[in-house]
Amino acid sequence: MTLGEKIRKYRLLRGLTQQELGEAVGFKKSTADVRINQYESNKIAPKAVIREAIADVLDIDISALSNVEVTSFEDVMYILFELEEKYGMKIAKGNGTTSLTFDDNNKNIATLISYMNLWQMQRAAMSIDNLDTSDDVKRDYMLWQGGFKSNIEAYYKIKKEDIDKHYEKAVSDLSCSKYAIRTSEITRLICRIIEAGISVSTNNRSFDSGNSAPGFTFAVNELIDPISEDAENLFAKFLYEYNHFQELGAGCFTEMQLPGKIMTITYHVRVSSFSVITSRVNTFLEYKEKKVTQGDFYKDSFEVSFKSDLEKNNKNIKDEIRRSIK
């Protein structure tokens, strides 16, 4: 689809004439329809600022008006080849169908997998595959596609706000509590959260600069509806410490993902040396998996070695954050 065809598609979905769209974008009344017609017929391409204005009026993402054109099956094939090379897509045949698959466990494409899961859920919610789906629903679905990125960001924002609101009072009640001084204290806190029954995994976001942002991933539903009061209080303590990292100047940010049916949130701290925490947490998670089949000696041995490792790799939090922002 050409850029002009995309503009026309969303204009018609919004029920606007060329004249109305042109005037809303800011063109003179006498030339508004002519300008839009030129764009839609691909006689001229709108400048970036005009394209942004058109996307704004149509209430769609600017990426919905991309310059990527797919006008032939050959175009489709070269896009698929790129998906294979960059994102590990594979092709499969069976039962009279041709399927394109991605590995859900490939962390390098976690965001893509999340996007596709959300896409599939939206199709199901709007019954797009039903034969009796109305034209109005199909129209709303196409407009949802046009604003995909904005719609997903708004959805994630609501979920993040639900978590913050749930823990607002508990975090506030900790205002007089002492902050952790060393990384071992944060490691122990996260291990206690795991022991309390909250699912935790670790993540790491790398940047072109060579820096990284270790992260801690939680299931959103378990945070909003915690398994116990102890679990709730421990996660509130984590948020209390996380907020303090930000106050100290650490580059903190969160990521929402939907790797399957359960939405997750990852709290990243852009302090590379905090990987000492994620490393120890991973060690603890491995121990948790194995200890159910091991005896008391294994448990006692682990506790001794784990304590020793914490003491050896124990960094001052303030110092590490200061180094990260120099």
Protein backbone atom coordinates (compact mmCIF):
# COMPACT_ATOMS: atom_id res chain seq x y z
CA MET A 1 0.00 0.00 0.00
CA THR A 2 1.40 3.38 -1.00
CA LEU A 3 1.53 6.38 1.32
CA GLY A 4 -1.30 8.00 -0.64
CA GLU A 5 -3.45 4.90 -0.30
CA LYS A 6 -2.82 4.86 3.45
CA ILE A 7 -3.91 8.49 3.81
CA ARG A 8 -7.06 7.78 1.81
CA LYS A 9 -7.81 4.63 3.83
CA TYR A 10 -7.75 6.38 7.19
CA ARG A 11 -9.50 9.50 5.88
CA LEU A 12 -12.43 7.37 4.71
CA LEU A 13 -12.44 5.41 7.96
CA ARG A 14 -12.79 8.74 9.80
CA GLY A 15 -15.59 9.77 7.45
CA LEU A 16 -13.81 12.89 6.20
CA THR A 17 -13.78 14.41 2.74
CA GLN A 18 -10.55 15.57 1.15
CA GLN A 19 -11.70 19.12 1.74
CA GLU A 20 -12.36 18.51 5.44
CA LEU A 21 -9.05 16.78 5.99
CA GLY A 22 -7.15 19.49 4.14
CA GLU A 23 -8.73 22.29 6.14
CA ALA A 24 -8.18 20.44 9.42
CA VAL A 25 -4.50 20.06 8.54
CA GLY A 26 -4.28 23.81 7.95
CA PHE A 27 -4.49 24.30 4.19
CA LYS A 28 -6.42 27.21 2.71
CA LYS A 29 -10.04 26.44 1.93
CA SER A 30 -9.48 27.13 -1.76
CA THR A 31 -6.72 24.51 -2.10
CA ALA A 32 -7.39 22.05 0.73
CA ASP A 33 -9.02 19.32 -1.35
CA VAL A 34 -6.46 19.71 -4.16
CA ARG A 35 -3.53 19.23 -1.76
CA ILE A 36 -5.01 16.10 -0.20
CA ASN A 37 -5.87 14.72 -3.63
CA GLN A 38 -2.25 15.20 -4.71
CA TYR A 39 -1.08 13.22 -1.69
CA GLU A 40 -3.61 10.44 -2.08
CA SER A 41 -2.86 10.05 -5.81
CA ASN A 42 0.88 9.97 -5.00
CA LYS A 43 1.57 12.93 -7.29
CA ILE A 44 3.55 14.52 -4.49
CA ALA A 45 4.61 13.23 -1.09
CA PRO A 46 3.75 15.26 2.01
CA LYS A 47 6.68 16.69 3.92
CA ALA A 48 7.35 15.19 7.36
CA VAL A 49 5.62 18.04 9.19
CA ILE A 50 2.53 17.72 6.96
CA ARG A 51 2.45 13.95 7.41
CA GLU A 52 2.55 14.43 11.17
CA ALA A 53 -0.33 16.90 10.94
CA ILE A 54 -2.37 14.46 8.83
CA ALA A 55 -1.73 11.64 11.33
CA ASP A 56 -2.75 13.96 14.17
CA VAL A 57 -6.04 14.92 12.49
CA LEU A 58 -6.80 11.29 11.65
CA ASP A 59 -5.85 10.29 15.23
CA ILE A 60 -3.45 7.57 14.14
CA ASP A 61 0.23 6.88 14.76
CA ILE A 62 2.68 8.54 12.41
CA SER A 63 4.12 5.05 11.77
CA ALA A 64 0.77 4.11 10.20
CA LEU A 65 1.72 6.53 7.41
CA SER A 66 5.16 5.03 6.84
CA ASN A 67 6.98 5.13 3.54
CA VAL A 68 7.11 1.33 3.40
CA GLU A 69 5.20 0.25 0.31
CA VAL A 70 4.00 -3.28 -0.34
CA THR A 71 2.60 -3.44 -3.83
CA SER A 72 3.50 -6.97 -4.98
CA PHE A 73 4.01 -10.49 -3.70
CA GLU A 74 7.73 -10.00 -4.30
CA ASP A 75 7.65 -7.05 -1.86
CA VAL A 76 6.01 -9.32 0.69
CA MET A 77 8.68 -11.98 0.20
CA TYR A 78 11.57 -9.59 0.79
CA ILE A 79 9.89 -8.36 3.98
CA LEU A 80 9.54 -11.98 5.11
CA PHE A 81 13.21 -12.65 4.30
CA GLU A 82 14.14 -9.71 6.52
CA LEU A 83 11.93 -11.00 9.32
CA GLU A 84 13.68 -14.35 9.02
CA GLU A 85 17.14 -12.80 9.17
CA LYS A 86 16.56 -10.23 11.91
CA TYR A 87 13.91 -11.80 14.10
CA GLY A 88 14.28 -15.55 13.62
CA MET A 89 10.95 -16.07 11.89
CA LYS A 90 10.40 -19.58 10.47
CA ILE A 91 7.97 -20.96 7.92
CA ALA A 92 5.94 -24.14 8.46
CA LYS A 93 3.42 -26.15 6.44
CA GLY A 94 0.64 -28.34 7.71
CA ASN A 95 -3.07 -29.17 7.45
CA GLY A 96 -3.53 -27.08 4.34
CA THR A 97 -2.04 -23.94 5.90
CA THR A 98 1.20 -21.99 5.71
CA SER A 99 2.31 -20.54 9.04
CA LEU A 100 4.96 -18.03 10.01
CA THR A 101 6.30 -18.63 13.52
CA PHE A 102 8.49 -16.88 16.08
CA ASP A 103 10.12 -18.29 19.20
CA ASP A 104 8.20 -16.93 22.21
CA ASN A 105 11.26 -17.57 24.40
CA ASN A 106 13.58 -15.38 22.32
CA LYS A 107 14.19 -12.43 24.66
CA ASN A 108 15.58 -10.38 21.77
CA ILE A 109 12.10 -10.15 20.28
CA ALA A 110 10.10 -9.95 23.53
CA THR A 111 8.48 -6.69 22.47
CA LEU A 112 7.48 -8.13 19.08
CA ILE A 113 5.97 -11.20 20.75
CA SER A 114 4.06 -8.93 23.13
CA TYR A 115 2.75 -6.87 20.23
CA MET A 116 1.55 -9.98 18.41
CA ASN A 117 -0.12 -11.34 21.55
CA LEU A 118 -1.95 -8.04 22.03
CA TRP A 119 -2.93 -8.08 18.35
CA GLN A 120 -4.33 -11.60 18.66
CA MET A 121 -6.23 -10.67 21.82
CA GLN A 122 -7.74 -7.62 20.12
CA ARG A 123 -8.88 -9.69 17.14
CA ALA A 124 -10.53 -12.15 19.52
CA ALA A 125 -12.12 -9.39 21.62
CA MET A 126 -13.65 -7.79 18.53
CA SER A 127 -14.63 -11.15 16.96
CA ILE A 128 -12.91 -10.15 13.73
CA ASP A 129 -12.87 -13.71 12.40
CA ASN A 130 -16.62 -14.18 12.81
CA LEU A 131 -18.59 -14.15 9.57
CA ASP A 132 -21.29 -11.92 11.08
CA THR A 133 -18.89 -9.22 12.36
CA SER A 134 -20.42 -5.86 11.47
CA ASP A 135 -18.82 -3.27 9.21
CA ASP A 136 -18.70 -0.85 12.14
CA VAL A 137 -16.63 -3.29 14.19
CA LYS A 138 -14.31 -3.91 11.24
CA ARG A 139 -13.92 -0.15 10.88
CA ASP A 140 -13.08 0.23 14.57
CA TYR A 141 -10.57 -2.60 14.26
CA MET A 142 -8.76 -0.91 11.37
CA LEU A 143 -8.67 2.36 13.32
CA TRP A 144 -7.26 0.44 16.30
CA GLN A 145 -4.53 -0.80 13.97
CA GLY A 146 -3.85 2.75 12.81
CA GLY A 147 -3.29 3.85 16.40
CA PHE A 148 -1.64 0.60 17.50
CA LYS A 149 1.43 2.03 19.24
CA SER A 150 -0.54 4.74 21.02
CA ASN A 151 -3.25 2.27 22.04
CA ILE A 152 -0.73 -0.17 23.50
CA GLU A 153 1.15 2.57 25.35
CA ALA A 154 -2.14 3.82 26.83
CA TYR A 155 -3.02 0.27 27.92
CA TYR A 156 0.38 -0.25 29.55
CA LYS A 157 0.12 3.14 31.25
CA ILE A 158 -3.19 2.18 32.87
CA LYS A 159 -1.70 -1.06 34.18
CA LYS A 160 1.35 0.76 35.56
CA GLU A 161 -0.91 3.31 37.26
CA ASP A 162 -2.93 0.45 38.80
CA ILE A 163 0.24 -0.91 40.41
CA ASP A 164 1.41 2.51 41.63
CA LYS A 165 -2.02 3.30 43.07
CA HIS A 166 -2.23 -0.07 44.81
CA TYR A 167 1.11 0.50 46.59
CA GLU A 168 0.94 4.26 47.08
CA LYS A 169 -0.04 4.15 50.75
CA ALA A 170 2.28 1.26 51.64
CA VAL A 171 5.27 3.04 50.06
CA SER A 172 4.31 6.29 51.79
CA ASP A 173 4.17 4.50 55.14
CA LEU A 174 7.83 3.55 54.65
CA SER A 175 8.91 7.20 54.35
CA CYS A 176 10.76 7.11 57.68
CA SER A 177 12.44 3.77 57.02
CA LYS A 178 16.14 3.52 56.28
CA TYR A 179 17.19 2.89 52.72
CA ALA A 180 19.41 -0.02 51.75
CA ILE A 181 23.09 0.88 51.75
CA ARG A 182 24.64 -2.05 49.90
CA THR A 183 23.61 -4.19 46.94
CA SER A 184 23.46 -7.31 49.10
CA GLU A 185 20.47 -5.80 50.93
CA ILE A 186 18.57 -5.45 47.65
CA THR A 187 19.49 -9.00 46.69
CA ARG A 188 18.16 -10.31 49.99
CA LEU A 189 14.98 -8.25 49.61
CA ILE A 190 14.24 -9.72 46.19
CA CYS A 191 14.97 -13.23 47.48
CA ARG A 192 12.45 -12.62 50.27
CA ILE A 193 9.92 -11.48 47.66
CA ILE A 194 10.47 -14.76 45.82
CA GLU A 195 10.07 -16.73 49.06
CA ALA A 196 6.80 -14.88 49.68
CA GLY A 197 5.37 -16.37 46.49
CA ILE A 198 5.77 -13.57 43.94
CA SER A 199 7.16 -14.67 40.57
CA VAL A 200 10.44 -12.92 39.76
CA SER A 201 12.87 -13.14 36.87
CA THR A 202 15.75 -10.96 35.78
CA ASN A 203 16.35 -9.02 32.59
CA ASN A 204 19.04 -6.87 31.10
CA ARG A 205 18.71 -4.05 28.58
CA SER A 206 21.89 -3.21 26.67
CA PHE A 207 22.61 0.14 25.02
CA ASP A 208 24.80 1.17 22.11
CA SER A 209 27.01 3.06 24.55
CA GLY A 210 28.05 -0.25 26.07
CA ASN A 211 26.11 0.41 29.27
CA SER A 212 23.35 -1.84 30.49
CA ALA A 213 20.29 -1.65 32.70
CA PRO A 214 19.72 -4.76 34.84
CA GLY A 215 16.05 -5.33 35.55
CA PHE A 216 13.66 -7.29 37.74
CA THR A 217 10.51 -8.70 36.15
CA PHE A 218 7.22 -9.34 37.97
CA ALA A 219 3.78 -10.61 36.92
CA VAL A 220 1.38 -7.64 36.96
CA ASN A 221 -1.59 -9.66 38.25
CA GLU A 222 0.46 -10.90 41.23
CA LEU A 223 1.36 -7.33 42.16
CA ILE A 224 -2.17 -5.96 41.91
CA ASP A 225 -3.62 -8.99 43.73
CA PRO A 226 -0.73 -10.19 45.96
CA ILE A 227 -0.80 -13.66 47.45
CA SER A 228 -0.37 -12.39 51.03
CA GLU A 229 0.11 -9.30 53.13
CA ASP A 230 3.77 -10.23 53.56
CA ALA A 231 4.25 -10.35 49.78
CA GLU A 232 2.51 -6.99 49.42
CA ASN A 233 4.70 -5.36 52.07
CA LEU A 234 7.88 -6.75 50.58
CA PHE A 235 7.09 -5.45 47.10
CA ALA A 236 6.19 -2.07 48.61
CA LYS A 237 9.67 -2.07 50.13
CA PHE A 238 11.13 -2.83 46.69
CA LEU A 239 9.27 0.15 45.19
CA TYR A 240 10.47 2.30 48.09
CA GLU A 241 14.08 1.38 47.29
CA TYR A 242 13.52 1.71 43.53
CA ASN A 243 12.17 5.23 43.96
CA HIS A 244 15.26 6.04 46.01
CA PHE A 245 17.51 4.87 43.17
CA GLN A 246 15.79 7.47 40.99
CA GLU A 247 16.24 10.16 43.63
CA LEU A 248 19.96 9.36 43.70
CA GLY A 249 20.12 9.95 39.94
CA ALA A 250 20.01 6.43 38.55
CA GLY A 251 18.40 6.06 35.15
CA CYS A 252 15.34 4.03 36.07
CA PHE A 253 12.60 2.98 33.68
CA THR A 254 9.92 0.32 33.43
CA GLU A 255 8.92 -1.98 30.58
CA MET A 256 5.58 -3.72 30.19
CA GLN A 257 5.40 -6.93 28.16
CA LEU A 258 2.86 -9.61 27.35
CA PRO A 259 5.02 -12.67 26.59
CA GLY A 260 2.02 -14.97 26.97
CA LYS A 261 -1.31 -14.63 28.72
CA ILE A 262 0.28 -12.95 31.76
CA MET A 263 1.44 -9.35 31.56
CA THR A 264 4.78 -8.52 33.14
CA ILE A 265 6.49 -5.34 34.27
CA THR A 266 10.27 -4.97 34.47
CA TYR A 267 11.90 -2.39 36.70
CA HIS A 268 15.23 -1.43 35.13
CA VAL A 269 18.08 0.43 36.82
CA ARG A 270 20.63 1.87 34.40
CA VAL A 271 23.60 1.02 36.60
CA SER A 272 25.65 -1.73 34.94
CA SER A 273 27.25 -2.88 38.19
CA PHE A 274 23.79 -3.71 39.56
CA SER A 275 24.17 -6.89 37.51
CA VAL A 276 25.73 -8.23 40.71
CA ILE A 277 22.18 -8.23 42.08
CA THR A 278 20.58 -9.96 39.08
CA SER A 279 23.37 -12.54 39.07
CA ARG A 280 22.80 -13.45 42.72
CA VAL A 281 19.03 -13.50 42.23
CA ASN A 282 19.46 -15.93 39.32
CA THR A 283 21.61 -18.13 41.55
CA PHE A 284 18.86 -18.09 44.17
CA LEU A 285 16.21 -18.97 41.58
CA GLU A 286 18.27 -21.95 40.43
CA TYR A 287 18.60 -23.06 44.04
CA LYS A 288 14.83 -22.81 44.53
CA GLU A 289 14.24 -25.13 41.57
CA LYS A 290 16.72 -27.74 42.76
CA LYS A 291 16.14 -27.76 46.51
CA VAL A 292 12.84 -29.66 46.28
CA THR A 293 14.77 -32.74 45.13
CA GLN A 294 17.84 -32.25 47.34
CA GLY A 295 18.48 -32.94 51.01
CA ASP A 296 19.30 -30.73 53.98
CA PHE A 297 23.02 -30.81 53.19
CA TYR A 298 22.39 -29.12 49.83
CA LYS A 299 20.30 -26.43 51.55
CA ASP A 300 22.92 -25.77 54.25
CA SER A 301 25.75 -25.77 51.71
CA PHE A 302 23.96 -23.29 49.47
CA GLU A 303 23.22 -20.89 52.31
CA VAL A 304 26.89 -20.80 53.32
CA SER A 305 28.16 -20.23 49.76
CA PHE A 306 25.39 -17.72 48.97
CA LYS A 307 26.21 -15.65 52.05
CA SER A 308 29.89 -15.73 51.11
CA ASP A 309 29.15 -14.60 47.54
CA LEU A 310 27.03 -11.70 48.80
CA GLU A 311 29.85 -10.51 51.01
CA LYS A 312 32.42 -10.74 48.21
CA ASN A 313 30.27 -8.94 45.63
CA ASN A 314 28.79 -6.28 47.87
CA LYS A 315 28.78 -2.77 46.49
CA ASN A 316 27.79 0.58 47.96
CA ILE A 317 24.59 1.66 46.20
CA LYS A 318 25.23 5.42 46.30
CA ASP A 319 28.78 5.01 44.98
CA GLU A 320 27.68 2.79 42.09
CA ILE A 321 24.91 5.19 41.07
CA ARG A 322 27.32 8.16 41.20
CA ARG A 323 29.74 6.30 38.91
CA SER A 324 26.96 5.49 36.47
CA ILE A 325 26.02 9.17 35.97
CA LYS A 326 29.53 10.61 35.59
